[in-house]
Protein backbone atom coordinates (compact mmCIF):
# COMPACT_ATOMS: atom_id res chain seq x y z
CA UNK A 1 -7.91 3.58 -14.55
CA UNK A 2 -4.54 4.27 -13.01
CA UNK A 3 -4.69 7.37 -10.82
CA UNK A 4 -1.60 8.95 -9.34
CA UNK A 5 -0.28 12.11 -7.71
CA UNK A 6 2.72 13.90 -9.17
CA UNK A 7 4.95 16.69 -7.81
CA UNK A 8 7.12 17.63 -4.88
CA UNK A 9 6.15 16.48 -1.40
CA UNK A 10 3.13 18.45 -0.20
CA UNK A 11 2.44 19.92 -3.64
CA UNK A 12 1.32 16.87 -5.62
CA UNK A 13 -1.19 17.19 -8.47
CA UNK A 14 -3.81 14.56 -9.24
CA UNK A 15 -3.10 12.74 -12.48
CA UNK A 16 -4.07 9.77 -14.61
CA UNK A 17 -1.99 7.41 -16.71
CA UNK A 18 -3.21 7.16 -20.30
CA UNK A 19 -3.04 4.07 -22.51
CA UNK A 20 0.30 5.19 -23.96
CA UNK A 21 1.90 5.62 -20.54
CA UNK A 22 1.64 9.42 -20.52
CA UNK A 23 0.87 11.11 -17.20
CA UNK A 24 -2.08 13.49 -17.67
CA UNK A 25 -2.96 16.35 -15.32
CA UNK A 26 -6.38 15.99 -13.63
CA UNK A 27 -6.18 19.13 -11.49
CA UNK A 28 -8.75 21.00 -13.60
CA UNK A 29 -11.32 18.31 -12.76
CA UNK A 30 -10.56 17.24 -9.16
CA UNK A 31 -8.68 18.88 -6.31
CA UNK A 32 -6.81 15.72 -5.35
CA UNK A 33 -7.16 11.94 -5.25
CA UNK A 34 -8.78 11.87 -1.84
CA UNK A 35 -12.10 11.74 0.03
CA UNK A 36 -15.11 12.32 -2.26
CA UNK A 37 -12.96 12.13 -5.39
CA UNK A 38 -12.76 8.38 -4.69
CA UNK A 39 -16.53 7.85 -4.85
CA UNK A 40 -18.03 5.73 -7.61
CA UNK A 41 -19.69 8.82 -9.11
CA UNK A 42 -16.45 10.78 -9.18
CA UNK A 43 -14.48 7.90 -10.67
CA UNK A 44 -17.15 7.48 -13.35
CA UNK A 45 -16.78 11.16 -14.31
CA UNK A 46 -13.01 10.80 -14.56
CA UNK A 47 -13.41 7.66 -16.65
CA UNK A 48 -15.62 9.57 -19.09
CA UNK A 49 -12.98 12.25 -19.77
CA UNK A 50 -11.17 12.47 -23.10
CA UNK A 51 -7.63 12.07 -21.80
CA UNK A 52 -6.16 13.60 -24.95
CA UNK A 53 -7.61 16.92 -23.79
CA UNK A 54 -5.60 16.83 -20.55
CA UNK A 55 -2.11 18.35 -20.29
CA UNK A 56 0.82 15.94 -20.21
CA UNK A 57 3.03 16.09 -17.11
CA UNK A 58 6.77 15.55 -17.47
CA UNK A 59 7.48 11.84 -16.98
CA UNK A 60 10.55 12.70 -14.90
CA UNK A 61 8.40 14.35 -12.22
CA UNK A 62 8.37 12.82 -8.76
CA UNK A 63 5.48 10.42 -8.12
CA UNK A 64 3.89 10.88 -4.70
CA UNK A 65 1.69 8.54 -2.71
CA UNK A 66 -1.28 7.66 -4.91
CA UNK A 67 -3.86 8.81 -2.34
CA UNK A 68 -3.82 12.11 -0.46
CA UNK A 69 -5.19 13.06 2.95
CA UNK A 70 -5.37 9.46 4.16
CA UNK A 71 -7.41 9.28 7.35
CA UNK A 72 -6.01 6.00 8.66
CA UNK A 73 -3.95 3.00 7.66
CA UNK A 74 -5.20 -0.29 9.07
CA UNK A 75 -2.72 -3.14 8.70
CA UNK A 76 -3.36 -6.86 8.95
CA UNK A 77 -0.68 -8.97 10.59
CA UNK A 78 0.12 -12.63 9.85
CA UNK A 79 -2.44 -12.70 7.05
CA UNK A 80 -0.48 -15.04 4.77
CA UNK A 81 -0.33 -18.62 6.00
CA UNK A 82 3.18 -19.13 4.60
CA UNK A 83 4.45 -15.90 6.18
CA UNK A 84 3.03 -16.89 9.58
CA UNK A 85 4.86 -20.20 9.27
CA UNK A 86 8.23 -18.57 8.53
CA UNK A 87 7.97 -16.37 11.63
CA UNK A 88 6.92 -19.29 13.83
CA UNK A 89 3.50 -17.80 14.55
CA UNK A 90 0.16 -19.60 14.57
CA UNK A 91 -2.34 -18.78 11.85
CA UNK A 92 -4.76 -16.33 13.51
CA UNK A 93 -8.39 -17.26 14.02
CA UNK A 94 -9.40 -13.62 13.46
CA UNK A 95 -7.59 -10.84 11.59
CA UNK A 96 -4.75 -9.28 13.59
CA UNK A 97 -5.18 -5.51 13.25
CA UNK A 98 -2.84 -2.64 14.01
CA UNK A 99 -2.45 0.96 12.88
CA UNK A 100 0.37 2.50 10.89
CA UNK A 101 0.79 6.25 11.26
CA UNK A 102 -0.23 8.32 8.25
CA UNK A 103 3.01 10.29 8.66
CA UNK A 104 4.81 7.16 7.41
CA UNK A 105 3.29 7.61 3.93
CA UNK A 106 5.64 8.59 1.13
CA UNK A 107 6.01 8.22 -2.62
CA UNK A 108 6.73 4.81 -4.16
CA UNK A 109 10.25 5.74 -5.20
CA UNK A 110 11.22 8.06 -2.34
CA UNK A 111 14.28 7.32 -0.22
CA UNK A 112 13.60 5.01 2.73
CA UNK A 113 15.11 6.28 5.97
CA UNK A 114 16.29 3.78 8.59
CA UNK A 115 15.16 5.37 11.88
CA UNK A 116 17.56 6.42 14.61
CA UNK A 117 18.54 3.52 16.85
CA UNK A 118 17.36 0.93 14.35
CA UNK A 119 19.25 -2.29 13.67
CA UNK A 120 16.34 -4.37 12.36
CA UNK A 121 14.54 -2.46 9.59
CA UNK A 122 12.66 -4.96 7.41
CA UNK A 123 10.61 -5.03 4.21
CA UNK A 124 7.07 -6.26 3.43
CA UNK A 125 5.39 -6.05 0.02
CA UNK A 126 1.63 -5.75 0.55
CA UNK A 127 -1.62 -5.28 -1.34
CA UNK A 128 -3.22 -2.00 -0.25
CA UNK A 129 -7.00 -1.60 -0.55
CA UNK A 130 -8.23 1.98 -0.97
CA UNK A 131 -11.70 2.63 0.44
CA UNK A 132 -14.04 4.70 -1.74
CA UNK A 133 -17.30 4.60 0.20
CA UNK A 134 -18.06 4.91 3.91
CA UNK A 135 -18.27 1.46 5.51
CA UNK A 136 -19.92 0.74 8.86
CA UNK A 137 -21.15 -2.74 9.84
CA UNK A 138 -20.82 -3.94 6.26
CA UNK A 139 -21.95 -7.41 5.23
CA UNK A 140 -19.23 -9.41 3.51
CA UNK A 141 -21.45 -9.80 0.45
CA UNK A 142 -21.52 -6.00 0.04
CA UNK A 143 -17.93 -5.31 1.07
CA UNK A 144 -16.46 -4.87 -2.41
CA UNK A 145 -18.92 -2.04 -3.11
CA UNK A 146 -16.79 0.04 -0.74
CA UNK A 147 -13.51 -0.40 -2.65
CA UNK A 148 -12.19 2.38 -4.88
CA UNK A 149 -9.07 0.54 -5.97
CA UNK A 150 -5.79 -1.13 -5.13
CA UNK A 151 -2.14 -0.18 -4.84
CA UNK A 152 1.27 -1.51 -3.86
CA UNK A 153 2.49 -0.77 -0.33
CA UNK A 154 5.83 -1.54 1.29
CA UNK A 155 4.90 -2.01 4.95
CA UNK A 156 8.37 -1.32 6.30
CA UNK A 157 8.92 -2.49 9.85
CA UNK A 158 11.54 -2.02 12.58
CA UNK A 159 11.41 -5.44 14.21
CA UNK A 160 13.06 -4.51 17.52
CA UNK A 161 10.67 -1.56 17.95
CA UNK A 162 7.77 -3.83 16.93
CA UNK A 163 8.52 -6.99 18.89
CA UNK A 164 11.04 -6.20 21.63
CA UNK A 165 9.74 -2.89 23.00
CA UNK A 166 6.35 -3.88 24.41
CA UNK A 167 3.15 -5.00 22.75
CA UNK A 168 2.29 -2.15 20.38
CA UNK A 169 3.27 -3.11 16.82
CA UNK A 170 2.59 0.43 15.63
CA UNK A 171 5.88 1.60 17.15
CA UNK A 172 7.77 -0.54 14.68
CA UNK A 173 5.61 0.37 11.70
CA UNK A 174 5.24 4.14 11.77
CA UNK A 175 8.60 5.79 11.15
CA UNK A 176 8.80 8.45 8.46
CA UNK A 177 9.01 6.85 4.97
CA UNK A 178 7.79 3.47 6.27
CA UNK A 179 4.67 3.59 4.05
CA UNK A 180 5.51 3.96 0.34
CA UNK A 181 2.17 3.84 -1.50
CA UNK A 182 1.74 3.57 -5.25
CA UNK A 183 2.87 4.28 -7.93
CA UNK A 184 -0.82 4.51 -8.74
CA UNK A 185 -4.20 3.44 -7.52
CA UNK A 186 -5.70 0.98 -9.99
CA UNK A 187 -9.49 1.19 -9.91
CA UNK A 188 -11.22 -2.02 -8.93
CA UNK A 189 -12.77 -2.55 -12.38
CA UNK A 190 -9.29 -3.36 -13.71
CA UNK A 191 -8.57 -6.04 -11.10
CA UNK A 192 -10.75 -9.05 -11.80
CA UNK A 193 -9.73 -10.96 -8.68
CA UNK A 194 -7.69 -9.36 -5.88
CA UNK A 195 -7.17 -12.87 -4.47
CA UNK A 196 -5.12 -13.95 -7.48
CA UNK A 197 -2.24 -11.48 -7.77
CA UNK A 198 1.47 -12.32 -7.81
CA UNK A 199 3.73 -10.29 -5.49
CA UNK A 200 7.49 -9.91 -5.26
CA UNK A 201 10.27 -7.94 -3.58
CA UNK A 202 14.00 -7.74 -4.29
CA UNK A 203 16.85 -6.25 -2.26
CA UNK A 204 19.95 -5.48 -4.32
CA UNK A 205 18.47 -7.60 -7.13
CA UNK A 206 18.10 -10.65 -4.89
CA UNK A 207 14.54 -12.02 -4.84
CA UNK A 208 13.45 -12.39 -1.20
CA UNK A 209 9.67 -12.31 -1.49
CA UNK A 210 7.71 -14.22 -4.09
CA UNK A 211 4.09 -14.91 -3.28
CA UNK A 212 0.47 -14.58 -4.23
CA UNK A 213 -2.64 -13.14 -2.66
CA UNK A 214 -4.14 -16.64 -3.04
CA UNK A 215 -2.51 -17.55 0.28
CA UNK A 216 -4.13 -14.74 2.26
CA UNK A 217 -5.84 -16.17 5.33
CA UNK A 218 -8.57 -13.51 5.20
CA UNK A 219 -9.48 -12.06 1.81
CA UNK A 220 -10.24 -8.46 0.94
CA UNK A 221 -14.02 -8.76 1.27
CA UNK A 222 -13.79 -10.39 4.69
CA UNK A 223 -11.30 -7.80 5.92
CA UNK A 224 -13.56 -4.89 4.98
CA UNK A 225 -16.51 -6.63 6.63
CA UNK A 226 -14.50 -7.48 9.74
CA UNK A 227 -12.85 -4.09 10.24
CA UNK A 228 -16.14 -2.28 9.73
CA UNK A 229 -17.56 -4.07 12.78
CA UNK A 230 -15.06 -2.19 14.98
CA UNK A 231 -14.58 1.16 13.23
CA UNK A 232 -15.98 3.17 10.35
CA UNK A 233 -13.92 3.08 7.19
CA UNK A 234 -13.94 6.36 5.27
CA UNK A 235 -13.06 7.22 1.65
CA UNK A 236 -9.30 7.40 1.35
CA UNK A 237 -8.62 5.00 4.22
CA UNK A 238 -6.05 2.32 3.39
CA UNK A 239 -6.10 -1.34 4.41
CA UNK A 240 -2.69 -2.99 4.07
CA UNK A 241 -3.57 -6.65 3.81
CA UNK A 242 -0.43 -8.54 4.86
CA UNK A 243 2.74 -9.90 3.29
CA UNK A 244 3.88 -13.20 1.77
CA UNK A 245 6.96 -15.08 3.01
CA UNK A 246 10.51 -13.86 2.50
CA UNK A 247 10.79 -10.96 4.95
CA UNK A 248 14.17 -10.28 6.53
CA UNK A 249 12.97 -11.54 9.91
CA UNK A 250 12.22 -14.92 8.36
CA UNK A 251 15.70 -15.48 6.91
CA UNK A 252 18.06 -17.86 8.69
CA UNK A 253 19.80 -15.96 10.15
CA UNK A 254 17.63 -12.81 9.89
CA UNK A 255 18.76 -10.15 7.39
CA UNK A 256 17.89 -6.46 7.70
CA UNK A 257 18.23 -3.39 5.51
CA UNK A 258 21.44 -1.37 5.36
CA UNK A 259 22.16 2.13 4.11
CA UNK A 260 22.88 2.15 0.38
CA UNK A 261 20.80 -0.89 -0.50
CA UNK A 262 18.10 -0.79 -3.16
CA UNK A 263 14.64 -2.33 -2.99
CA UNK A 264 12.35 -3.12 -5.89
CA UNK A 265 8.87 -4.54 -5.40
CA UNK A 266 5.62 -4.95 -7.23
CA UNK A 267 2.24 -6.61 -7.53
CA UNK A 268 0.77 -7.98 -10.73
CA UNK A 269 -1.26 -5.27 -12.49
CA UNK A 270 -0.47 -2.60 -9.88
CA UNK A 271 2.99 -1.40 -10.86
CA UNK A 272 6.38 -1.30 -9.15
CA UNK A 273 8.27 0.65 -6.50
CA UNK A 274 12.03 1.34 -6.42
CA UNK A 275 13.67 2.66 -3.26
CA UNK A 276 17.17 3.56 -2.09
CA UNK A 277 17.83 3.03 1.63
CA UNK A 278 19.20 5.98 3.61
CA UNK A 279 19.27 6.97 7.28
CA UNK A 280 17.25 9.43 9.35
């Protein structure tokens, strides 16, 4: 299933994409795509619905972030061997974790706002894992039981805030609009192998990132296991699993986003995002 949220910011309705590409309103069956609605039982009930009985939502409606009421976003740094190489960093022996503020979340096609004082706003296409079941001290063999689905995330980053203003990466990751999520959450039954997905990102139609989740240092199952040793993962939490090579920081010389540019990005089977760059 492809689950999404449609409507103006703060007033999104839960929806589902049918086989013909129509957006169908789920609001008579679930309050939102969040928390308990992401459980296996809830997803099974949605999957059993006759989608032809659900109202069609105008396809021109704004698409919001595919998950609502996100409790936390846990990001994984330097998790692609080829990306670590382009930044001159060593491949980590354990996952590098940091938080991204939930106030950074926005719709997949919303305008991206370069924050005040920024000169080094960068892009990062990433596979987002949506948690569907509480996870505490999870064995790696059981980790995938806690996944509701997957989505595209652009883990936008202000590199000076991230790397030149102390040691807290979150400062460079958490500006408003720095977390486009969606267009939809694809339930895990539709993704046979999350470690075999092609990823790409263009700026002004120039392909900067082209990679695959095959080169992730730590795979999805290990990340869920590892993170759950340090904190409890709750339904609706998002793990952003790292980016392949081709970020602006890795160009020679580095290239950063400018007002008026357009980004397009996507992951195989998970849809695409399209964003115009503005300024806060």
